[in-house]
């Protein structure tokens, strides 16, 4: 099981929207590197939800429900179904992540416009050490 991060503009679709809907199809990814990350997702993986658009923070997480598949509206894109998992208390800001100086090689820090990416194990360990509560990925 693996961890990923998916960015969303809360004005378009927020963690609160996912919490209300309970599940959704995560689509609209077009950057080839981000599409590759979506294609690596498997049922049971955890996806951290990151609010962009000024908030710049990891605010919650979801669980992947489906195998990735090609987006029927865009053959170069991929999508997965996800289910709301929970909120991060407190949210983890990009500023906090950058301040550590430990994750400068992570795509979140290095490639600000990339919408979907894997989360390195070192980041997971750091989040847990900080007391951020989220369950491990679990197979469906």
C-alpha atoms as a PDB file:
ATOM      1  CA  UNK A   1       0.000   0.000   0.000  1.00  0.00           C
ATOM      2  CA  UNK A   2       1.190   3.502  -0.790  1.00  0.00           C
ATOM      3  CA  UNK A   3       0.571   7.170  -0.058  1.00  0.00           C
ATOM      4  CA  UNK A   4      -0.185   9.875  -2.591  1.00  0.00           C
ATOM      5  CA  UNK A   5      -1.066  13.562  -2.522  1.00  0.00           C
ATOM      6  CA  UNK A   6      -3.708  15.171  -4.723  1.00  0.00           C
ATOM      7  CA  UNK A   7      -4.139  18.914  -4.977  1.00  0.00           C
ATOM      8  CA  UNK A   8      -7.457  20.607  -5.420  1.00  0.00           C
ATOM      9  CA  UNK A   9      -8.620  24.200  -5.449  1.00  0.00           C
ATOM     10  CA  UNK A  10     -11.172  24.327  -2.618  1.00  0.00           C
ATOM     11  CA  UNK A  11     -13.272  26.717  -4.716  1.00  0.00           C
ATOM     12  CA  UNK A  12     -13.729  23.930  -7.278  1.00  0.00           C
ATOM     13  CA  UNK A  13     -13.873  20.821  -5.087  1.00  0.00           C
ATOM     14  CA  UNK A  14     -12.851  20.866  -1.433  1.00  0.00           C
ATOM     15  CA  UNK A  15     -12.318  18.323   1.304  1.00  0.00           C
ATOM     16  CA  UNK A  16     -15.694  19.447   2.685  1.00  0.00           C
ATOM     17  CA  UNK A  17     -17.263  18.511  -0.661  1.00  0.00           C
ATOM     18  CA  UNK A  18     -15.669  15.059  -0.505  1.00  0.00           C
ATOM     19  CA  UNK A  19     -16.808  14.675   3.108  1.00  0.00           C
ATOM     20  CA  UNK A  20     -20.369  15.550   2.082  1.00  0.00           C
ATOM     21  CA  UNK A  21     -20.320  13.322  -1.015  1.00  0.00           C
ATOM     22  CA  UNK A  22     -18.471  10.503   0.848  1.00  0.00           C
ATOM     23  CA  UNK A  23     -16.945   9.310  -2.452  1.00  0.00           C
ATOM     24  CA  UNK A  24     -16.075  10.741  -5.820  1.00  0.00           C
ATOM     25  CA  UNK A  25     -14.212  10.091  -9.025  1.00  0.00           C
ATOM     26  CA  UNK A  26     -10.833  11.845  -8.876  1.00  0.00           C
ATOM     27  CA  UNK A  27     -10.271  13.060 -12.413  1.00  0.00           C
ATOM     28  CA  UNK A  28      -9.075  16.065 -14.376  1.00  0.00           C
ATOM     29  CA  UNK A  29      -5.375  15.192 -14.069  1.00  0.00           C
ATOM     30  CA  UNK A  30      -3.549  16.076 -17.279  1.00  0.00           C
ATOM     31  CA  UNK A  31       0.152  16.536 -16.543  1.00  0.00           C
ATOM     32  CA  UNK A  32       1.908  13.318 -17.696  1.00  0.00           C
ATOM     33  CA  UNK A  33       3.856  13.016 -14.442  1.00  0.00           C
ATOM     34  CA  UNK A  34       0.664  13.461 -12.380  1.00  0.00           C
ATOM     35  CA  UNK A  35      -1.221  10.974 -14.597  1.00  0.00           C
ATOM     36  CA  UNK A  36       1.567   8.475 -13.937  1.00  0.00           C
ATOM     37  CA  UNK A  37       0.984   8.902 -10.178  1.00  0.00           C
ATOM     38  CA  UNK A  38      -2.759   8.295 -10.603  1.00  0.00           C
ATOM     39  CA  UNK A  39      -2.018   5.157 -12.627  1.00  0.00           C
ATOM     40  CA  UNK A  40       0.128   3.882  -9.722  1.00  0.00           C
ATOM     41  CA  UNK A  41      -2.732   4.139  -7.204  1.00  0.00           C
ATOM     42  CA  UNK A  42      -4.330   0.927  -5.990  1.00  0.00           C
ATOM     43  CA  UNK A  43      -7.401   0.156  -3.880  1.00  0.00           C
ATOM     44  CA  UNK A  44      -6.598   0.732  -0.218  1.00  0.00           C
ATOM     45  CA  UNK A  45      -3.931   3.378  -0.856  1.00  0.00           C
ATOM     46  CA  UNK A  46      -4.190   6.662   1.043  1.00  0.00           C
ATOM     47  CA  UNK A  47      -4.450   9.962  -0.841  1.00  0.00           C
ATOM     48  CA  UNK A  48      -3.755  13.125   1.120  1.00  0.00           C
ATOM     49  CA  UNK A  49      -5.967  15.992  -0.011  1.00  0.00           C
ATOM     50  CA  UNK A  50      -4.099  19.267  -0.436  1.00  0.00           C
ATOM     51  CA  UNK A  51      -5.907  22.584  -0.747  1.00  0.00           C
ATOM     52  CA  UNK A  52      -4.140  24.919  -3.147  1.00  0.00           C
ATOM     53  CA  UNK A  53      -5.365  28.373  -4.076  1.00  0.00           C
ATOM     54  CA  UNK A  54      -3.901  30.285  -1.148  1.00  0.00           C
ATOM     55  CA  UNK A  55      -4.459  27.782   1.654  1.00  0.00           C
ATOM     56  CA  UNK A  56      -1.498  25.596   0.635  1.00  0.00           C
ATOM     57  CA  UNK A  57      -2.020  22.820   3.170  1.00  0.00           C
ATOM     58  CA  UNK A  58      -2.662  19.110   3.485  1.00  0.00           C
ATOM     59  CA  UNK A  59      -6.134  19.178   5.018  1.00  0.00           C
ATOM     60  CA  UNK A  60      -7.336  15.574   4.955  1.00  0.00           C
ATOM     61  CA  UNK A  61      -7.142  12.192   3.345  1.00  0.00           C
ATOM     62  CA  UNK A  62      -9.126   9.729   1.281  1.00  0.00           C
ATOM     63  CA  UNK A  63      -8.867   6.046   0.467  1.00  0.00           C
ATOM     64  CA  UNK A  64      -8.570   4.758  -3.093  1.00  0.00           C
ATOM     65  CA  UNK A  65     -11.510   2.469  -3.935  1.00  0.00           C
ATOM     66  CA  UNK A  66     -10.843   1.468  -7.537  1.00  0.00           C
ATOM     67  CA  UNK A  67      -8.085   0.480  -9.870  1.00  0.00           C
ATOM     68  CA  UNK A  68      -7.024   3.421 -12.033  1.00  0.00           C
ATOM     69  CA  UNK A  69      -8.565   3.621 -15.469  1.00  0.00           C
ATOM     70  CA  UNK A  70      -8.366   5.848 -18.502  1.00  0.00           C
ATOM     71  CA  UNK A  71     -10.627   8.867 -18.317  1.00  0.00           C
ATOM     72  CA  UNK A  72     -13.331   8.308 -20.977  1.00  0.00           C
ATOM     73  CA  UNK A  73     -13.315  12.057 -21.710  1.00  0.00           C
ATOM     74  CA  UNK A  74      -9.539  12.253 -22.181  1.00  0.00           C
ATOM     75  CA  UNK A  75      -7.496   9.243 -23.318  1.00  0.00           C
ATOM     76  CA  UNK A  76      -4.287  10.858 -22.004  1.00  0.00           C
ATOM     77  CA  UNK A  77      -5.707  11.167 -18.480  1.00  0.00           C
ATOM     78  CA  UNK A  78      -6.539   8.674 -15.732  1.00  0.00           C
ATOM     79  CA  UNK A  79      -8.962   8.583 -12.848  1.00  0.00           C
ATOM     80  CA  UNK A  80      -9.692   6.642  -9.667  1.00  0.00           C
ATOM     81  CA  UNK A  81     -12.594   6.487  -7.267  1.00  0.00           C
ATOM     82  CA  UNK A  82     -11.863   7.701  -3.745  1.00  0.00           C
ATOM     83  CA  UNK A  83     -13.724   7.718  -0.445  1.00  0.00           C
ATOM     84  CA  UNK A  84     -13.474  10.352   2.296  1.00  0.00           C
ATOM     85  CA  UNK A  85     -11.180   9.215   5.089  1.00  0.00           C
ATOM     86  CA  UNK A  86     -10.870  12.116   7.499  1.00  0.00           C
ATOM     87  CA  UNK A  87      -9.498  15.532   8.278  1.00  0.00           C
ATOM     88  CA  UNK A  88      -5.956  16.223   9.419  1.00  0.00           C
ATOM     89  CA  UNK A  89      -5.912  17.964  12.763  1.00  0.00           C
ATOM     90  CA  UNK A  90      -4.165  20.256  12.463  1.00  0.00           C
ATOM     91  CA  UNK A  91      -3.727  20.724   8.711  1.00  0.00           C
ATOM     92  CA  UNK A  92      -0.102  20.626   7.582  1.00  0.00           C
ATOM     93  CA  UNK A  93       0.940  23.715   5.658  1.00  0.00           C
ATOM     94  CA  UNK A  94       3.398  23.874   2.803  1.00  0.00           C
ATOM     95  CA  UNK A  95       5.317  26.450   4.841  1.00  0.00           C
ATOM     96  CA  UNK A  96       5.799  23.894   7.653  1.00  0.00           C
ATOM     97  CA  UNK A  97       6.969  21.274   5.172  1.00  0.00           C
ATOM     98  CA  UNK A  98       9.429  23.673   3.563  1.00  0.00           C
ATOM     99  CA  UNK A  99      10.678  24.908   6.944  1.00  0.00           C
ATOM    100  CA  UNK A 100      12.025  21.459   7.820  1.00  0.00           C
ATOM    101  CA  UNK A 101      14.463  21.599   4.900  1.00  0.00           C
ATOM    102  CA  UNK A 102      14.210  17.788   4.778  1.00  0.00           C
ATOM    103  CA  UNK A 103      11.909  17.436   1.786  1.00  0.00           C
ATOM    104  CA  UNK A 104      13.387  19.766  -0.834  1.00  0.00           C
ATOM    105  CA  UNK A 105      13.494  16.884  -3.325  1.00  0.00           C
ATOM    106  CA  UNK A 106       9.776  16.073  -2.950  1.00  0.00           C
ATOM    107  CA  UNK A 107       7.616  17.129  -5.904  1.00  0.00           C
ATOM    108  CA  UNK A 108       5.322  19.162  -3.604  1.00  0.00           C
ATOM    109  CA  UNK A 109       8.242  21.451  -2.783  1.00  0.00           C
ATOM    110  CA  UNK A 110      10.170  21.173  -6.044  1.00  0.00           C
ATOM    111  CA  UNK A 111       7.311  21.247  -8.597  1.00  0.00           C
ATOM    112  CA  UNK A 112       4.655  23.554  -7.228  1.00  0.00           C
ATOM    113  CA  UNK A 113       2.245  23.100 -10.126  1.00  0.00           C
ATOM    114  CA  UNK A 114       2.214  19.284 -10.120  1.00  0.00           C
ATOM    115  CA  UNK A 115      -1.279  18.197  -9.032  1.00  0.00           C
ATOM    116  CA  UNK A 116      -0.796  14.560  -8.031  1.00  0.00           C
ATOM    117  CA  UNK A 117       2.265  12.770  -6.691  1.00  0.00           C
ATOM    118  CA  UNK A 118       3.569   9.986  -4.486  1.00  0.00           C
ATOM    119  CA  UNK A 119       4.359  10.852  -0.867  1.00  0.00           C
ATOM    120  CA  UNK A 120       7.796   9.632   0.252  1.00  0.00           C
ATOM    121  CA  UNK A 121       8.047   7.411   3.342  1.00  0.00           C
ATOM    122  CA  UNK A 122      10.198  10.079   5.041  1.00  0.00           C
ATOM    123  CA  UNK A 123       7.264  12.500   4.843  1.00  0.00           C
ATOM    124  CA  UNK A 124       4.884   9.886   6.282  1.00  0.00           C
ATOM    125  CA  UNK A 125       7.292   9.264   9.182  1.00  0.00           C
ATOM    126  CA  UNK A 126       7.616  13.024   9.785  1.00  0.00           C
ATOM    127  CA  UNK A 127       3.836  13.483   9.805  1.00  0.00           C
ATOM    128  CA  UNK A 128       3.397  10.639  12.297  1.00  0.00           C
ATOM    129  CA  UNK A 129       6.201  12.013  14.505  1.00  0.00           C
ATOM    130  CA  UNK A 130       4.381  15.373  14.533  1.00  0.00           C
ATOM    131  CA  UNK A 131       1.303  13.572  15.834  1.00  0.00           C
ATOM    132  CA  UNK A 132      -0.759  13.971  12.672  1.00  0.00           C
ATOM    133  CA  UNK A 133      -3.437  11.297  12.916  1.00  0.00           C
ATOM    134  CA  UNK A 134      -4.269   9.203   9.836  1.00  0.00           C
ATOM    135  CA  UNK A 135      -4.622   5.470   9.407  1.00  0.00           C
ATOM    136  CA  UNK A 136      -2.195   3.350   7.451  1.00  0.00           C
ATOM    137  CA  UNK A 137      -3.345   2.326   3.995  1.00  0.00           C
ATOM    138  CA  UNK A 138      -5.302  -0.894   4.120  1.00  0.00           C
ATOM    139  CA  UNK A 139      -6.176  -3.319   1.379  1.00  0.00           C
ATOM    140  CA  UNK A 140      -9.786  -3.475   0.339  1.00  0.00           C
END
